[in-house]
Amino acid sequence: MEEILKRELWRSEPDYIVYVPQSLDGSTFDTGNEHFLVFDGPDGSLMAVWTQSSYEGAGDHRIVFSRSEDEGLTWSPPRRIAGPAEPGEGFMASWGFPLISKSGRIYVIYNQYQGIDDVIHQHTGTMDCVYSDDNGVTWSEPETIPMKRSPYDHPDPWVPSNWIVWQKPIRDLQGRWFTGFTRWVSKAVRTPPHNNSWTAWESVVEFMRFENIDDDPPPHEIQITYSAWGKRALRVPHYSNPLLSIAQEPSLVRLPDQRLFCVMRTMSGYIWYSLSEDDGYTWCAPRPLLRHDYGLPILQPLCCCPIYPLPDGRYILLHHNNDGRFQGCTPEDTSLNRRPAYIALGEYRPGAEQPIWFSESKVLMDNDGVGIGPRDRTDIGVYPSFTSRQGNNVLWHPDRKFFLVGKKITEEWLADLYVPSLDEIK
């Protein structure tokens, strides 16, 4: 086993090692690691939260926390802060994300399963929260944050919403935390799927604004306002059923002109985006993400495709550069078409219809399609995060939702990626 773990750990050539599971078969209940969010701690350290389990959907999803005092070279053993230690110990907790107040309080908010399945147990849940006032040494008991009922929720108010926040929130122009999220439409009100694949379960993109985090409220007093709500939610047509919306996992960046730019995963074969001119209160109808105005769409299967800002004002777009039909797959074969991981370099183009233009894509990493873990996963670069500290840009990601690792994004590696100018596109 140790030989296999060592060989597979280095297959994608990581620069940092955060977590290596203790078994291959799930017997140690730690072979599922995903939704890996690394962030700047209030004490200057690097901190991380992620969802750990035997494997995705096993029923023992838990939120764990770790920190590094040496810029990611070594990490503390993960500490469970919500959810069960193994299957059967209680209801699972999934998809935690951090918010830090000005005083340094660390909130971790997550989806708490309550024993009621609507779409699926991984998505149906209340919004719960724990917090720490001592940099993660101790944590509060979980509390529930009230969620506004949506027209996309089940008509029965006792059935929780179906939702996921998947990236670190950003500050809005008034300093409040703001994020996009996936809302899976309840089975009771959704457009019926046309096949048996989960990839045809209807979903839309909406946004949350956390109004009072800097006041250090107890979780049950956290105030949230919503935008792109109900009929204004962002929708993208399914490739073979255009009445069905598949819009998921939004990723946000701020443009130099202060607009918000949001990309999202879809079931169309390529990435879509939307723009907000008023700090996220209203959004334009989504449209395909092109390399540049009048260019070709940027291909992507049904998989997250985050965009991150670089310190110099450019952007990187992480994606998989295929339309889901990778090596003979169908778009529904999400266990096979989420590799290799590519990066496209983005630059702001004032005056263009699409304000960020992109280079061609370059392979960042791959695992050669070798599966590992109880589900024999082959995906790479999924559910990642990004940090820029002391001139060091790092993509933190779960390799095959098994290993947690980091990959440097250096200027030397980006040097051959070229973004066309406005004058070149006429």
Protein backbone atom coordinates (compact mmCIF):
# COMPACT_ATOMS: atom_id res chain seq x y z
CA MET A 1 0.00 0.00 0.00
CA GLU A 2 2.76 2.49 0.90
CA GLU A 3 4.41 1.99 -2.47
CA ILE A 4 1.13 2.67 -4.30
CA LEU A 5 0.42 5.76 -2.21
CA LYS A 6 3.87 7.17 -2.86
CA ARG A 7 3.74 6.48 -6.59
CA GLU A 8 0.28 7.99 -7.02
CA LEU A 9 0.97 10.98 -4.79
CA TRP A 10 3.73 12.17 -7.12
CA ARG A 11 2.01 11.30 -10.39
CA SER A 12 0.78 14.88 -10.91
CA GLU A 13 4.11 16.39 -9.75
CA PRO A 14 2.81 18.50 -6.85
CA ASP A 15 4.89 21.17 -5.13
CA TYR A 16 3.14 20.89 -1.75
CA ILE A 17 1.68 17.94 0.14
CA VAL A 18 -1.15 18.75 2.54
CA TYR A 19 -2.84 15.41 3.21
CA VAL A 20 -2.31 11.76 2.27
CA PRO A 21 -5.03 9.26 3.25
CA GLN A 22 -4.09 6.37 5.52
CA SER A 23 -5.59 3.63 3.33
CA LEU A 24 -6.67 2.93 -0.24
CA ASP A 25 -10.00 1.23 0.39
CA GLY A 26 -11.80 3.65 2.71
CA SER A 27 -11.26 1.57 5.84
CA THR A 28 -9.67 4.57 7.59
CA PHE A 29 -12.65 6.79 6.65
CA ASP A 30 -10.37 9.46 5.16
CA THR A 31 -10.04 8.45 1.50
CA GLY A 32 -12.47 11.10 0.25
CA ASN A 33 -11.00 14.62 0.35
CA GLU A 34 -12.54 17.44 -1.66
CA HIS A 35 -13.82 21.00 -1.69
CA PHE A 36 -10.35 22.10 -0.56
CA LEU A 37 -10.30 25.78 0.43
CA VAL A 38 -6.97 27.24 1.54
CA PHE A 39 -7.11 30.80 2.89
CA ASP A 40 -5.13 33.46 4.70
CA GLY A 41 -5.59 33.06 8.44
CA PRO A 42 -6.07 36.12 10.65
CA ASP A 43 -2.78 35.29 12.42
CA GLY A 44 -0.79 35.30 9.17
CA SER A 45 -0.75 31.52 8.78
CA LEU A 46 -2.24 29.53 5.94
CA MET A 47 -5.45 27.75 6.91
CA ALA A 48 -7.60 25.19 5.15
CA VAL A 49 -11.03 23.62 5.43
CA TRP A 50 -12.28 20.73 3.37
CA THR A 51 -14.85 17.95 3.22
CA GLN A 52 -13.43 14.59 4.26
CA SER A 53 -15.15 11.20 4.16
CA SER A 54 -14.70 7.55 3.27
CA TYR A 55 -15.69 8.63 -0.24
CA GLU A 56 -18.06 11.19 -1.70
CA GLY A 57 -21.63 10.33 -0.73
CA ALA A 58 -20.63 7.68 1.81
CA GLY A 59 -22.68 9.36 4.53
CA ASP A 60 -19.76 10.36 6.76
CA HIS A 61 -18.92 13.73 5.19
CA ARG A 62 -17.28 15.93 7.82
CA ILE A 63 -15.70 19.39 7.83
CA VAL A 64 -12.05 19.41 8.87
CA PHE A 65 -9.60 22.23 9.56
CA SER A 66 -5.81 22.44 9.26
CA ARG A 67 -3.20 25.19 9.35
CA SER A 68 0.37 25.79 8.22
CA GLU A 69 2.88 28.15 9.82
CA ASP A 70 5.56 27.71 7.15
CA GLU A 71 3.79 28.81 3.95
CA GLY A 72 2.32 25.41 3.19
CA LEU A 73 5.38 23.21 3.60
CA THR A 74 3.90 21.36 6.58
CA TRP A 75 0.34 21.16 7.88
CA SER A 76 -1.26 20.24 11.20
CA PRO A 77 -3.28 17.01 11.32
CA PRO A 78 -6.86 17.74 10.21
CA ARG A 79 -9.24 18.51 13.03
CA ARG A 80 -12.90 17.57 12.65
CA ILE A 81 -15.07 20.61 13.39
CA ALA A 82 -18.47 19.36 12.15
CA GLY A 83 -20.01 16.08 11.04
CA PRO A 84 -19.41 12.41 11.94
CA ALA A 85 -16.04 10.67 12.22
CA GLU A 86 -17.32 7.61 10.34
CA PRO A 87 -20.54 6.26 8.82
CA GLY A 88 -23.39 5.79 11.26
CA GLU A 89 -22.27 8.36 13.82
CA GLY A 90 -24.73 11.06 12.77
CA PHE A 91 -25.80 13.25 9.88
CA MET A 92 -23.06 14.35 7.54
CA ALA A 93 -21.77 17.91 7.06
CA SER A 94 -20.52 19.00 3.63
CA TRP A 95 -19.03 21.83 1.58
CA GLY A 96 -17.71 24.13 4.32
CA PHE A 97 -16.39 27.58 3.41
CA PRO A 98 -14.64 30.24 5.55
CA LEU A 99 -15.53 33.83 6.38
CA ILE A 100 -13.20 35.92 8.56
CA SER A 101 -14.45 38.99 10.42
CA LYS A 102 -12.37 42.10 10.96
CA SER A 103 -11.74 41.01 14.56
CA GLY A 104 -10.25 37.71 13.37
CA ARG A 105 -13.21 35.43 14.14
CA ILE A 106 -13.21 32.50 11.70
CA TYR A 107 -16.66 31.34 10.65
CA VAL A 108 -17.02 28.07 8.73
CA ILE A 109 -20.43 27.70 7.10
CA TYR A 110 -21.58 24.42 5.59
CA ASN A 111 -24.46 22.28 4.37
CA GLN A 112 -25.84 20.19 7.25
CA TYR A 113 -27.85 17.13 6.22
CA GLN A 114 -30.94 16.68 8.41
CA GLY A 115 -32.06 13.22 7.32
CA ILE A 116 -34.37 14.49 4.57
CA ASP A 117 -33.43 13.78 0.94
CA ASP A 118 -34.88 16.01 -1.74
CA VAL A 119 -32.38 16.14 -4.60
CA ILE A 120 -29.69 14.06 -2.83
CA HIS A 121 -28.40 13.88 0.73
CA GLN A 122 -25.20 15.71 -0.22
CA HIS A 123 -27.14 18.80 -1.31
CA THR A 124 -30.30 18.86 0.81
CA GLY A 125 -29.51 20.53 4.11
CA THR A 126 -29.69 23.50 6.41
CA MET A 127 -27.04 26.20 6.51
CA ASP A 128 -25.06 25.55 9.69
CA CYS A 129 -22.02 27.27 11.15
CA VAL A 130 -19.19 26.91 13.66
CA TYR A 131 -16.68 29.61 14.56
CA SER A 132 -13.34 30.08 16.28
CA ASP A 133 -11.98 33.10 18.12
CA ASP A 134 -8.51 31.62 18.71
CA ASN A 135 -7.24 30.81 15.21
CA GLY A 136 -8.78 27.35 15.10
CA VAL A 137 -7.64 26.02 18.48
CA THR A 138 -11.23 25.72 19.73
CA TRP A 139 -14.55 25.83 17.90
CA SER A 140 -18.10 26.70 18.88
CA GLU A 141 -20.97 24.25 18.86
CA PRO A 142 -22.86 24.16 15.53
CA GLU A 143 -25.78 26.53 15.02
CA THR A 144 -28.19 26.92 12.13
CA ILE A 145 -28.31 30.10 10.05
CA PRO A 146 -31.87 30.77 8.80
CA MET A 147 -32.23 30.48 5.01
CA LYS A 148 -34.84 32.35 3.03
CA ARG A 149 -37.22 29.97 1.26
CA SER A 150 -36.89 29.91 -2.52
CA PRO A 151 -39.46 29.21 -5.24
CA TYR A 152 -37.02 26.45 -6.28
CA ASP A 153 -37.33 24.77 -2.87
CA HIS A 154 -39.77 22.00 -2.00
CA PRO A 155 -43.22 23.42 -1.14
CA ASP A 156 -43.02 21.69 2.24
CA PRO A 157 -41.13 24.17 4.50
CA TRP A 158 -39.70 21.27 6.52
CA VAL A 159 -37.69 20.10 3.51
CA PRO A 160 -34.38 22.03 3.50
CA SER A 161 -32.98 23.82 0.47
CA ASN A 162 -30.60 22.13 -1.99
CA TRP A 163 -27.47 24.28 -2.18
CA ILE A 164 -23.66 24.41 -2.34
CA VAL A 165 -21.18 27.26 -1.91
CA TRP A 166 -17.98 25.96 -3.44
CA GLN A 167 -15.42 28.81 -3.53
CA LYS A 168 -14.12 31.31 -1.00
CA PRO A 169 -16.34 34.41 -0.84
CA ILE A 170 -14.93 37.80 -1.84
CA ARG A 171 -15.47 41.23 -0.31
CA ASP A 172 -17.98 43.51 -2.04
CA LEU A 173 -17.34 47.22 -2.56
CA GLN A 174 -18.65 47.97 0.93
CA GLY A 175 -16.51 45.29 2.54
CA ARG A 176 -19.22 42.66 3.02
CA TRP A 177 -18.61 39.02 2.14
CA PHE A 178 -20.26 37.99 -1.13
CA THR A 179 -20.42 34.68 -2.99
CA GLY A 180 -22.25 32.75 -5.66
CA PHE A 181 -23.83 29.37 -5.05
CA THR A 182 -25.50 26.49 -6.84
CA ARG A 183 -29.15 25.96 -6.07
CA TRP A 184 -30.36 22.53 -7.11
CA VAL A 185 -34.04 22.75 -7.96
CA SER A 186 -36.28 20.58 -5.78
CA LYS A 187 -37.65 17.42 -7.33
CA ALA A 188 -41.11 18.79 -6.59
CA VAL A 189 -40.77 21.81 -8.91
CA ARG A 190 -37.91 21.14 -11.33
CA THR A 191 -37.99 20.56 -15.06
CA PRO A 192 -38.10 16.76 -15.29
CA PRO A 193 -34.77 15.18 -16.32
CA HIS A 194 -34.80 13.47 -19.70
CA ASN A 195 -32.44 10.66 -18.70
CA ASN A 196 -31.38 8.81 -15.56
CA SER A 197 -28.09 10.67 -15.13
CA TRP A 198 -27.58 13.07 -12.23
CA THR A 199 -26.12 15.45 -14.82
CA ALA A 200 -29.71 16.23 -15.89
CA TRP A 201 -30.87 17.37 -12.45
CA GLU A 202 -31.92 20.99 -12.82
CA SER A 203 -29.83 23.72 -11.20
CA VAL A 204 -29.40 27.50 -11.24
CA VAL A 205 -26.84 30.01 -9.96
CA GLU A 206 -27.72 32.60 -7.32
CA PHE A 207 -25.73 34.86 -4.95
CA MET A 208 -25.50 35.53 -1.19
CA ARG A 209 -24.31 38.66 0.59
CA PHE A 210 -23.36 38.29 4.26
CA GLU A 211 -24.36 41.64 5.69
CA ASN A 212 -22.98 41.64 9.23
CA ILE A 213 -20.07 39.21 9.60
CA ASP A 214 -17.76 42.00 10.79
CA ASP A 215 -20.06 42.54 13.79
CA ASP A 216 -19.15 39.02 15.03
CA PRO A 217 -22.78 37.90 15.36
CA PRO A 218 -23.69 34.47 16.72
CA PRO A 219 -24.52 32.24 13.74
CA HIS A 220 -28.29 32.40 14.20
CA GLU A 221 -28.08 36.21 13.86
CA ILE A 222 -26.05 36.24 10.63
CA GLN A 223 -27.95 38.30 8.07
CA ILE A 224 -27.95 37.22 4.43
CA THR A 225 -29.47 38.94 1.41
CA TYR A 226 -29.86 37.19 -1.94
CA SER A 227 -29.59 38.27 -5.56
CA ALA A 228 -30.27 36.60 -8.92
CA TRP A 229 -33.20 35.22 -6.95
CA GLY A 230 -36.08 33.08 -8.24
CA LYS A 231 -36.95 34.00 -11.83
CA ARG A 232 -33.79 36.13 -12.03
CA ALA A 233 -31.50 33.17 -11.26
CA LEU A 234 -28.81 32.46 -13.83
CA ARG A 235 -29.83 29.62 -16.13
CA VAL A 236 -27.93 27.80 -18.90
CA PRO A 237 -29.59 25.32 -21.30
CA HIS A 238 -28.68 21.63 -21.26
CA TYR A 239 -26.99 20.55 -24.51
CA SER A 240 -29.81 18.22 -25.51
CA ASN A 241 -32.75 19.67 -23.55
CA PRO A 242 -32.67 23.49 -23.74
CA LEU A 243 -35.66 23.97 -21.43
CA LEU A 244 -33.60 22.38 -18.65
CA SER A 245 -31.12 24.62 -16.82
CA ILE A 246 -27.76 23.24 -15.72
CA ALA A 247 -25.83 26.15 -14.20
CA GLN A 248 -23.53 25.39 -11.30
CA GLU A 249 -20.45 26.32 -9.25
CA PRO A 250 -19.98 30.02 -9.95
CA SER A 251 -16.54 31.60 -9.58
CA LEU A 252 -16.11 35.37 -9.16
CA VAL A 253 -13.44 37.98 -9.89
CA ARG A 254 -13.49 41.77 -9.72
CA LEU A 255 -12.67 43.68 -12.91
CA PRO A 256 -10.58 46.89 -12.95
CA ASP A 257 -13.76 48.85 -13.74
CA GLN A 258 -15.34 47.36 -10.55
CA ARG A 259 -17.78 45.09 -12.37
CA LEU A 260 -18.08 41.48 -11.20
CA PHE A 261 -17.27 38.70 -13.66
CA CYS A 262 -18.67 35.24 -12.95
CA VAL A 263 -17.91 31.96 -14.75
CA MET A 264 -19.87 28.76 -14.15
CA ARG A 265 -19.91 25.10 -15.10
CA THR A 266 -22.68 23.86 -17.38
CA MET A 267 -23.89 20.83 -19.30
CA SER A 268 -23.39 22.49 -22.69
CA GLY A 269 -19.80 21.45 -23.42
CA TYR A 270 -18.31 24.85 -22.65
CA ILE A 271 -18.05 27.49 -19.92
CA TRP A 272 -20.63 30.28 -19.55
CA TYR A 273 -20.29 33.66 -17.84
CA SER A 274 -22.31 36.59 -16.54
CA LEU A 275 -21.53 40.20 -15.58
CA SER A 276 -22.81 42.51 -12.86
CA GLU A 277 -22.41 46.27 -13.08
CA ASP A 278 -23.84 46.98 -9.61
CA ASP A 279 -21.71 44.86 -7.27
CA GLY A 280 -23.74 41.70 -7.65
CA TYR A 281 -27.27 42.99 -7.11
CA THR A 282 -28.28 42.32 -10.73
CA TRP A 283 -26.71 40.14 -13.42
CA CYS A 284 -26.92 39.92 -17.19
CA ALA A 285 -28.20 36.78 -18.89
CA PRO A 286 -25.37 34.21 -19.11
CA ARG A 287 -23.57 33.67 -22.39
CA PRO A 288 -20.79 31.35 -23.62
CA LEU A 289 -17.26 32.21 -22.55
CA LEU A 290 -15.13 32.80 -25.65
CA ARG A 291 -11.37 33.06 -26.06
CA HIS A 292 -12.05 36.65 -27.15
CA ASP A 293 -14.80 38.61 -28.87
CA TYR A 294 -15.91 36.64 -31.95
CA GLY A 295 -13.70 33.75 -30.87
CA LEU A 296 -14.39 30.11 -30.11
CA PRO A 297 -15.98 28.97 -26.85
CA ILE A 298 -13.74 27.56 -24.12
CA LEU A 299 -14.56 23.88 -23.82
CA GLN A 300 -15.41 22.25 -20.50
CA PRO A 301 -17.28 19.11 -19.38
CA LEU A 302 -19.61 19.25 -16.39
CA CYS A 303 -16.84 20.18 -13.97
CA CYS A 304 -15.83 23.22 -11.96
CA CYS A 305 -13.87 25.85 -13.89
CA PRO A 306 -12.68 28.53 -11.45
CA ILE A 307 -11.13 31.84 -12.40
CA TYR A 308 -8.58 33.45 -10.08
CA PRO A 309 -6.91 36.89 -10.07
CA LEU A 310 -3.15 37.17 -10.24
CA PRO A 311 -1.45 39.96 -8.25
CA ASP A 312 -0.50 41.85 -11.44
CA GLY A 313 -4.11 42.17 -12.65
CA ARG A 314 -4.21 39.18 -14.99
CA TYR A 315 -6.33 36.08 -14.41
CA ILE A 316 -5.98 32.32 -14.69
CA LEU A 317 -8.83 30.05 -15.73
CA LEU A 318 -8.57 26.40 -14.65
CA HIS A 319 -10.49 24.01 -16.85
CA HIS A 320 -10.30 20.67 -18.68
CA ASN A 321 -10.47 21.82 -22.32
CA ASN A 322 -12.86 19.18 -23.62
CA ASP A 323 -16.61 19.21 -24.21
CA GLY A 324 -17.21 16.01 -22.22
CA ARG A 325 -16.42 13.67 -25.11
CA PHE A 326 -12.84 13.12 -23.99
CA GLN A 327 -11.29 9.93 -25.41
CA GLY A 328 -14.66 8.57 -26.51
CA CYS A 329 -16.61 9.52 -23.36
CA THR A 330 -20.10 10.90 -23.41
CA PRO A 331 -20.77 14.21 -21.63
CA GLU A 332 -22.37 12.18 -18.83
CA ASP A 333 -19.12 10.29 -18.12
CA THR A 334 -17.94 12.72 -15.43
CA SER A 335 -15.76 10.06 -13.81
CA LEU A 336 -13.56 10.01 -16.93
CA ASN A 337 -13.66 13.40 -18.70
CA ARG A 338 -12.33 15.65 -15.91
CA ARG A 339 -8.69 15.48 -16.97
CA PRO A 340 -6.09 16.71 -17.78
CA ALA A 341 -6.22 20.09 -16.02
CA TYR A 342 -5.41 23.13 -18.20
CA ILE A 343 -4.86 26.81 -17.56
CA ALA A 344 -5.75 29.68 -19.87
CA LEU A 345 -4.30 33.11 -19.10
CA GLY A 346 -6.79 35.98 -19.02
CA GLU A 347 -6.32 39.72 -19.49
CA TYR A 348 -8.79 42.59 -19.11
CA ARG A 349 -9.80 44.24 -22.36
CA PRO A 350 -11.61 47.55 -21.73
CA GLY A 351 -14.18 48.28 -24.40
CA ALA A 352 -14.59 44.64 -25.42
CA GLU A 353 -17.97 42.94 -25.22
CA GLN A 354 -16.41 40.12 -23.18
CA PRO A 355 -14.15 42.00 -20.76
CA ILE A 356 -11.61 39.22 -20.14
CA TRP A 357 -9.87 37.65 -23.12
CA PHE A 358 -7.96 34.39 -22.90
CA SER A 359 -4.92 32.68 -24.32
CA GLU A 360 -4.94 29.18 -25.69
CA SER A 361 -4.92 26.56 -22.94
CA LYS A 362 -1.86 24.76 -21.61
CA VAL A 363 -1.76 21.48 -19.69
CA LEU A 364 -0.92 22.15 -16.06
CA MET A 365 -1.12 18.61 -14.67
CA ASP A 366 -2.52 15.14 -15.19
CA ASN A 367 -2.70 11.81 -13.41
CA ASP A 368 -2.64 9.72 -16.60
CA GLY A 369 -6.16 8.49 -15.92
CA VAL A 370 -4.99 6.12 -13.18
CA GLY A 371 -7.77 5.66 -10.65
CA ILE A 372 -7.38 5.55 -6.88
CA GLY A 373 -9.52 5.22 -3.77
CA PRO A 374 -12.80 3.41 -3.15
CA ARG A 375 -14.40 5.01 -6.23
CA ASP A 376 -11.32 4.64 -8.46
CA ARG A 377 -11.47 8.33 -9.35
CA THR A 378 -9.41 9.92 -12.13
CA ASP A 379 -10.39 13.61 -11.92
CA ILE A 380 -7.79 16.30 -11.28
CA GLY A 381 -7.94 19.99 -10.46
CA VAL A 382 -11.50 19.78 -9.16
CA TYR A 383 -12.83 21.78 -6.17
CA PRO A 384 -9.58 23.74 -5.75
CA SER A 385 -8.60 27.09 -4.27
CA PHE A 386 -5.86 29.61 -4.92
CA THR A 387 -3.53 31.74 -2.81
CA SER A 388 -1.05 34.50 -3.65
CA ARG A 389 1.44 35.19 -0.87
CA GLN A 390 4.91 36.70 -0.93
CA GLY A 391 5.14 36.37 -4.69
CA ASN A 392 4.12 32.71 -4.59
CA ASN A 393 0.95 31.71 -6.48
CA VAL A 394 -0.36 28.26 -5.56
CA LEU A 395 -3.29 26.24 -6.81
CA TRP A 396 -4.44 23.94 -3.99
CA HIS A 397 -6.46 20.99 -5.22
CA PRO A 398 -7.68 17.45 -4.50
CA ASP A 399 -6.01 15.00 -6.88
CA ARG A 400 -8.71 12.41 -7.65
CA LYS A 401 -10.58 13.65 -4.55
CA PHE A 402 -8.03 11.63 -2.62
CA PHE A 403 -4.72 13.47 -2.10
CA LEU A 404 -4.65 17.15 -1.11
CA VAL A 405 -1.76 18.92 -2.82
CA GLY A 406 -0.54 22.27 -4.11
CA LYS A 407 0.86 23.30 -7.49
CA LYS A 408 2.87 26.47 -8.06
CA ILE A 409 1.79 28.75 -10.91
CA THR A 410 5.02 30.52 -11.82
CA GLU A 411 5.77 33.37 -14.20
CA GLU A 412 8.09 31.04 -16.10
CA TRP A 413 5.26 28.56 -16.64
CA LEU A 414 2.86 31.30 -17.81
CA ALA A 415 5.41 33.00 -20.06
CA ASP A 416 4.38 31.31 -23.32
CA LEU A 417 0.65 32.00 -22.93
CA TYR A 418 -0.38 34.87 -25.18
CA VAL A 419 -3.61 36.86 -25.04
CA PRO A 420 -4.54 38.75 -28.23
CA SER A 421 -5.06 42.51 -28.19
CA LEU A 422 -8.10 44.41 -29.40
CA ASP A 423 -6.22 45.50 -32.51
CA GLU A 424 -5.60 41.87 -33.51
CA ILE A 425 -9.31 41.00 -33.57
CA LYS A 426 -11.01 43.01 -36.28
